[in-house]
Amino acid sequence: MTLVHGTQVHGVDVDTETRCSHYDTERDVIAIRFPCCDEFYPCYRCHDAVADHPREAWPEIKRAAEAVLCGVCGAELMIAEYLACNSQCPECDAGFNPGCAEHYELYFEG
């Protein structure tokens, strides 16, 4: 577990901006709170590696949940806000990895 702007982020080799051993480019700076455990992880692989339960994706009706943490500024974004942000933090303008969109179905239903 690593503290990122005062928020606990679980995973494998997580740094102070949420990068992990699986995704560690300059733009890999988000963590997602999983609905199954209410804990932040940088990626689904980290959840699978350290959680003691199967991961769950956020249901589409929960788009207003604050479930995405910006590792640069610490802002907690609503799912809808994150999905619409064009891979850039709406609070600090940090760039997020646009490749994350390829895995959205693992995190967000619909």
N, C-alpha and C. Protein backbone atom coordinates (compact mmCIF):
# COMPACT_ATOMS: atom_id res chain seq x y z
N MET A 1 0.85 -1.18 0.00
CA MET A 1 0.00 0.00 0.00
C MET A 1 0.89 1.24 0.00
N THR A 2 0.49 2.23 -0.79
CA THR A 2 1.22 3.49 -0.89
C THR A 2 0.24 4.63 -0.66
N LEU A 3 0.67 5.66 0.04
CA LEU A 3 -0.16 6.86 0.20
C LEU A 3 0.09 7.78 -0.99
N VAL A 4 -1.00 8.15 -1.64
CA VAL A 4 -0.96 9.09 -2.77
C VAL A 4 -1.84 10.26 -2.38
N HIS A 5 -1.23 11.39 -2.06
CA HIS A 5 -1.97 12.58 -1.60
C HIS A 5 -2.92 12.22 -0.45
N GLY A 6 -2.44 11.36 0.45
CA GLY A 6 -3.21 10.99 1.61
C GLY A 6 -4.21 9.86 1.41
N THR A 7 -4.28 9.33 0.19
CA THR A 7 -5.21 8.24 -0.13
C THR A 7 -4.43 6.94 -0.27
N GLN A 8 -4.92 5.88 0.35
CA GLN A 8 -4.28 4.57 0.24
C GLN A 8 -4.53 3.98 -1.14
N VAL A 9 -3.44 3.59 -1.81
CA VAL A 9 -3.53 2.92 -3.11
C VAL A 9 -2.80 1.59 -2.98
N HIS A 10 -3.51 0.52 -3.27
CA HIS A 10 -2.98 -0.83 -3.13
C HIS A 10 -2.48 -1.34 -4.48
N GLY A 11 -1.51 -2.22 -4.46
CA GLY A 11 -1.02 -2.78 -5.71
C GLY A 11 0.40 -3.28 -5.59
N VAL A 12 1.02 -3.46 -6.75
CA VAL A 12 2.37 -4.01 -6.83
C VAL A 12 3.33 -2.89 -7.23
N ASP A 13 4.26 -2.56 -6.33
CA ASP A 13 5.26 -1.51 -6.58
C ASP A 13 4.63 -0.19 -7.00
N VAL A 14 3.67 0.28 -6.22
CA VAL A 14 2.96 1.53 -6.53
C VAL A 14 3.83 2.71 -6.09
N ASP A 15 3.97 3.70 -6.99
CA ASP A 15 4.73 4.90 -6.62
C ASP A 15 3.77 5.99 -6.12
N THR A 16 4.30 7.14 -5.80
CA THR A 16 3.51 8.21 -5.19
C THR A 16 2.60 8.95 -6.17
N GLU A 17 2.62 8.56 -7.45
CA GLU A 17 1.68 9.12 -8.43
C GLU A 17 0.80 8.02 -9.04
N THR A 18 0.75 6.86 -8.43
CA THR A 18 -0.09 5.70 -8.77
C THR A 18 0.45 4.79 -9.85
N ARG A 19 1.66 5.02 -10.35
CA ARG A 19 2.22 4.07 -11.31
C ARG A 19 2.48 2.75 -10.57
N CYS A 20 2.44 1.65 -11.32
CA CYS A 20 2.66 0.34 -10.70
C CYS A 20 3.60 -0.48 -11.56
N SER A 21 3.86 -1.71 -11.15
CA SER A 21 4.77 -2.56 -11.91
C SER A 21 4.19 -2.96 -13.27
N HIS A 22 2.87 -2.84 -13.42
CA HIS A 22 2.22 -3.23 -14.68
C HIS A 22 2.15 -2.07 -15.68
N TYR A 23 1.92 -0.88 -15.18
CA TYR A 23 1.77 0.32 -16.01
C TYR A 23 2.56 1.44 -15.36
N ASP A 24 3.68 1.82 -15.97
CA ASP A 24 4.55 2.78 -15.30
C ASP A 24 5.12 3.86 -16.23
N THR A 25 4.32 4.26 -17.22
CA THR A 25 4.77 5.37 -18.06
C THR A 25 4.48 6.69 -17.36
N GLU A 26 5.00 7.76 -17.93
CA GLU A 26 4.77 9.10 -17.37
C GLU A 26 3.28 9.40 -17.22
N ARG A 27 2.45 8.86 -18.11
CA ARG A 27 1.02 9.18 -18.11
C ARG A 27 0.16 8.18 -17.34
N ASP A 28 0.75 7.18 -16.73
CA ASP A 28 -0.01 6.20 -15.94
C ASP A 28 -0.18 6.72 -14.52
N VAL A 29 -1.05 7.71 -14.38
CA VAL A 29 -1.17 8.42 -13.10
C VAL A 29 -2.62 8.49 -12.60
N ILE A 30 -3.33 7.38 -12.73
CA ILE A 30 -4.65 7.29 -12.09
C ILE A 30 -4.73 6.00 -11.30
N ALA A 31 -5.62 5.99 -10.34
CA ALA A 31 -5.99 4.76 -9.64
C ALA A 31 -7.51 4.72 -9.63
N ILE A 32 -8.05 3.53 -9.62
CA ILE A 32 -9.50 3.36 -9.64
C ILE A 32 -9.94 2.65 -8.37
N ARG A 33 -10.99 3.22 -7.76
CA ARG A 33 -11.60 2.59 -6.58
C ARG A 33 -12.53 1.49 -7.11
N PHE A 34 -12.29 0.28 -6.68
CA PHE A 34 -13.12 -0.85 -7.13
C PHE A 34 -14.35 -0.96 -6.24
N PRO A 35 -15.52 -1.19 -6.84
CA PRO A 35 -16.75 -1.23 -6.05
C PRO A 35 -16.84 -2.45 -5.13
N CYS A 36 -16.10 -3.50 -5.44
CA CYS A 36 -16.17 -4.72 -4.65
C CYS A 36 -15.52 -4.57 -3.28
N CYS A 37 -14.58 -3.65 -3.14
CA CYS A 37 -13.85 -3.53 -1.87
C CYS A 37 -13.67 -2.09 -1.41
N ASP A 38 -14.09 -1.13 -2.23
CA ASP A 38 -13.97 0.29 -1.89
C ASP A 38 -12.51 0.69 -1.68
N GLU A 39 -11.60 0.06 -2.41
CA GLU A 39 -10.16 0.33 -2.32
C GLU A 39 -9.64 0.77 -3.68
N PHE A 40 -8.65 1.67 -3.67
CA PHE A 40 -8.02 2.14 -4.90
C PHE A 40 -6.88 1.20 -5.31
N TYR A 41 -6.80 0.94 -6.63
CA TYR A 41 -5.72 0.18 -7.24
C TYR A 41 -5.34 0.89 -8.53
N PRO A 42 -4.06 0.88 -8.92
CA PRO A 42 -3.66 1.51 -10.18
C PRO A 42 -4.23 0.80 -11.41
N CYS A 43 -4.48 -0.51 -11.30
CA CYS A 43 -4.95 -1.25 -12.47
C CYS A 43 -5.62 -2.55 -12.02
N TYR A 44 -6.28 -3.19 -12.97
CA TYR A 44 -6.95 -4.46 -12.69
C TYR A 44 -5.94 -5.55 -12.33
N ARG A 45 -4.76 -5.49 -12.91
CA ARG A 45 -3.74 -6.50 -12.60
C ARG A 45 -3.29 -6.40 -11.15
N CYS A 46 -3.15 -5.17 -10.65
CA CYS A 46 -2.80 -4.99 -9.24
C CYS A 46 -3.90 -5.55 -8.34
N HIS A 47 -5.17 -5.27 -8.68
CA HIS A 47 -6.27 -5.80 -7.88
C HIS A 47 -6.19 -7.32 -7.86
N ASP A 48 -6.02 -7.92 -9.05
CA ASP A 48 -5.97 -9.38 -9.12
C ASP A 48 -4.80 -9.96 -8.32
N ALA A 49 -3.70 -9.22 -8.26
CA ALA A 49 -2.50 -9.72 -7.59
C ALA A 49 -2.58 -9.65 -6.07
N VAL A 50 -3.25 -8.62 -5.52
CA VAL A 50 -3.18 -8.45 -4.07
C VAL A 50 -4.52 -8.55 -3.33
N ALA A 51 -5.63 -8.42 -4.03
CA ALA A 51 -6.93 -8.52 -3.35
C ALA A 51 -7.27 -10.00 -3.10
N ASP A 52 -8.07 -10.23 -2.08
CA ASP A 52 -8.44 -11.60 -1.73
C ASP A 52 -9.83 -11.97 -2.24
N HIS A 53 -10.26 -11.31 -3.30
CA HIS A 53 -11.60 -11.53 -3.85
C HIS A 53 -11.59 -11.17 -5.33
N PRO A 54 -12.58 -11.63 -6.08
CA PRO A 54 -12.65 -11.28 -7.51
C PRO A 54 -13.02 -9.80 -7.68
N ARG A 55 -12.48 -9.19 -8.70
CA ARG A 55 -12.79 -7.78 -8.96
C ARG A 55 -14.17 -7.65 -9.58
N GLU A 56 -14.76 -6.49 -9.38
CA GLU A 56 -16.04 -6.15 -9.99
C GLU A 56 -15.90 -4.82 -10.71
N ALA A 57 -16.69 -4.64 -11.76
CA ALA A 57 -16.72 -3.38 -12.50
C ALA A 57 -17.86 -2.51 -11.95
N TRP A 58 -17.70 -1.21 -12.11
CA TRP A 58 -18.74 -0.28 -11.68
C TRP A 58 -19.96 -0.39 -12.59
N PRO A 59 -21.17 -0.53 -12.02
CA PRO A 59 -22.37 -0.55 -12.86
C PRO A 59 -22.59 0.82 -13.52
N GLU A 60 -23.19 0.80 -14.68
CA GLU A 60 -23.39 2.03 -15.44
C GLU A 60 -24.20 3.06 -14.66
N ILE A 61 -25.10 2.63 -13.80
CA ILE A 61 -25.93 3.57 -13.04
C ILE A 61 -25.16 4.31 -11.96
N LYS A 62 -23.90 3.96 -11.74
CA LYS A 62 -23.07 4.59 -10.70
C LYS A 62 -22.05 5.57 -11.28
N ARG A 63 -22.33 6.16 -12.42
CA ARG A 63 -21.39 7.08 -13.07
C ARG A 63 -21.07 8.32 -12.22
N ALA A 64 -21.90 8.63 -11.24
CA ALA A 64 -21.65 9.79 -10.38
C ALA A 64 -20.72 9.46 -9.21
N ALA A 65 -20.32 8.20 -9.08
CA ALA A 65 -19.42 7.81 -7.98
C ALA A 65 -18.03 8.40 -8.20
N GLU A 66 -17.45 8.94 -7.13
CA GLU A 66 -16.06 9.41 -7.21
C GLU A 66 -15.16 8.19 -7.07
N ALA A 67 -14.64 7.71 -8.19
CA ALA A 67 -13.93 6.45 -8.19
C ALA A 67 -12.60 6.49 -8.91
N VAL A 68 -12.18 7.65 -9.39
CA VAL A 68 -10.91 7.76 -10.11
C VAL A 68 -10.05 8.81 -9.42
N LEU A 69 -8.85 8.41 -9.03
CA LEU A 69 -7.92 9.29 -8.33
C LEU A 69 -6.83 9.75 -9.29
N CYS A 70 -6.63 11.05 -9.39
CA CYS A 70 -5.51 11.59 -10.16
C CYS A 70 -4.27 11.50 -9.27
N GLY A 71 -3.27 10.78 -9.74
CA GLY A 71 -2.05 10.62 -8.96
C GLY A 71 -1.19 11.87 -8.93
N VAL A 72 -1.45 12.82 -9.81
CA VAL A 72 -0.65 14.04 -9.85
C VAL A 72 -1.14 15.05 -8.82
N CYS A 73 -2.47 15.31 -8.79
CA CYS A 73 -2.98 16.34 -7.89
C CYS A 73 -3.82 15.80 -6.74
N GLY A 74 -4.24 14.53 -6.80
CA GLY A 74 -5.04 13.94 -5.74
C GLY A 74 -6.53 14.14 -5.89
N ALA A 75 -6.97 14.74 -6.99
CA ALA A 75 -8.41 14.93 -7.21
C ALA A 75 -9.10 13.58 -7.36
N GLU A 76 -10.28 13.47 -6.75
CA GLU A 76 -11.11 12.28 -6.95
C GLU A 76 -12.20 12.65 -7.94
N LEU A 77 -12.19 11.98 -9.08
CA LEU A 77 -13.10 12.29 -10.17
C LEU A 77 -14.27 11.33 -10.20
N MET A 78 -15.43 11.85 -10.57
CA MET A 78 -16.57 10.99 -10.81
C MET A 78 -16.27 10.15 -12.06
N ILE A 79 -16.83 8.98 -12.13
CA ILE A 79 -16.60 8.10 -13.28
C ILE A 79 -16.99 8.82 -14.57
N ALA A 80 -18.15 9.45 -14.60
CA ALA A 80 -18.59 10.16 -15.81
C ALA A 80 -17.61 11.26 -16.19
N GLU A 81 -17.09 11.95 -15.21
CA GLU A 81 -16.12 13.02 -15.45
C GLU A 81 -14.83 12.44 -16.05
N TYR A 82 -14.37 11.33 -15.51
CA TYR A 82 -13.17 10.68 -16.03
C TYR A 82 -13.38 10.19 -17.46
N LEU A 83 -14.51 9.55 -17.72
CA LEU A 83 -14.77 9.01 -19.05
C LEU A 83 -14.87 10.11 -20.11
N ALA A 84 -15.21 11.32 -19.69
CA ALA A 84 -15.38 12.44 -20.63
C ALA A 84 -14.18 13.38 -20.68
N CYS A 85 -13.11 13.08 -19.98
CA CYS A 85 -12.02 14.05 -19.80
C CYS A 85 -10.96 14.06 -20.90
N ASN A 86 -11.10 13.23 -21.92
CA ASN A 86 -10.11 13.19 -23.01
C ASN A 86 -8.69 12.96 -22.50
N SER A 87 -8.55 12.06 -21.54
CA SER A 87 -7.24 11.66 -21.01
C SER A 87 -6.44 12.83 -20.42
N GLN A 88 -7.16 13.73 -19.76
CA GLN A 88 -6.51 14.86 -19.11
C GLN A 88 -7.28 15.22 -17.85
N CYS A 89 -6.58 15.36 -16.74
CA CYS A 89 -7.23 15.69 -15.48
C CYS A 89 -7.93 17.04 -15.57
N PRO A 90 -9.22 17.09 -15.26
CA PRO A 90 -9.95 18.37 -15.31
C PRO A 90 -9.53 19.33 -14.20
N GLU A 91 -8.81 18.84 -13.18
CA GLU A 91 -8.38 19.68 -12.07
C GLU A 91 -6.99 20.28 -12.30
N CYS A 92 -6.03 19.45 -12.76
CA CYS A 92 -4.64 19.94 -12.87
C CYS A 92 -4.06 19.86 -14.27
N ASP A 93 -4.84 19.36 -15.21
CA ASP A 93 -4.42 19.22 -16.62
C ASP A 93 -3.35 18.15 -16.85
N ALA A 94 -3.06 17.31 -15.87
CA ALA A 94 -2.10 16.22 -16.08
C ALA A 94 -2.64 15.29 -17.17
N GLY A 95 -1.74 14.79 -17.99
CA GLY A 95 -2.14 13.86 -19.03
C GLY A 95 -2.27 12.45 -18.49
N PHE A 96 -3.38 11.80 -18.85
CA PHE A 96 -3.60 10.41 -18.48
C PHE A 96 -3.30 9.54 -19.71
N ASN A 97 -2.99 8.28 -19.48
CA ASN A 97 -2.68 7.36 -20.57
C ASN A 97 -3.95 7.08 -21.38
N PRO A 98 -3.99 7.49 -22.66
CA PRO A 98 -5.17 7.24 -23.47
C PRO A 98 -5.40 5.75 -23.73
N GLY A 99 -4.36 4.94 -23.57
CA GLY A 99 -4.49 3.50 -23.75
C GLY A 99 -5.37 2.84 -22.71
N CYS A 100 -5.63 3.53 -21.61
CA CYS A 100 -6.51 2.98 -20.58
C CYS A 100 -7.90 2.69 -21.12
N ALA A 101 -8.31 3.44 -22.14
CA ALA A 101 -9.64 3.25 -22.72
C ALA A 101 -9.83 1.83 -23.27
N GLU A 102 -8.74 1.17 -23.62
CA GLU A 102 -8.82 -0.19 -24.12
C GLU A 102 -9.28 -1.18 -23.05
N HIS A 103 -9.22 -0.77 -21.77
CA HIS A 103 -9.58 -1.65 -20.66
C HIS A 103 -10.81 -1.18 -19.90
N TYR A 104 -11.51 -0.18 -20.39
CA TYR A 104 -12.65 0.37 -19.64
C TYR A 104 -13.64 -0.69 -19.23
N GLU A 105 -13.88 -1.71 -20.07
CA GLU A 105 -14.89 -2.72 -19.73
C GLU A 105 -14.50 -3.51 -18.49
N LEU A 106 -13.22 -3.49 -18.11
CA LEU A 106 -12.80 -4.18 -16.89
C LEU A 106 -13.12 -3.37 -15.63
N TYR A 107 -13.36 -2.09 -15.82
CA TYR A 107 -13.62 -1.18 -14.70
C TYR A 107 -15.05 -0.64 -14.65
N PHE A 108 -15.62 -0.42 -15.85
CA PHE A 108 -16.92 0.26 -15.94
C PHE A 108 -17.85 -0.50 -16.89
N GLU A 109 -19.01 -0.90 -16.37
CA GLU A 109 -19.99 -1.57 -17.23
C GLU A 109 -20.62 -0.55 -18.18
N GLY A 110 -21.13 -1.06 -19.29
CA GLY A 110 -21.85 -0.20 -20.23
C GLY A 110 -20.96 0.39 -21.22
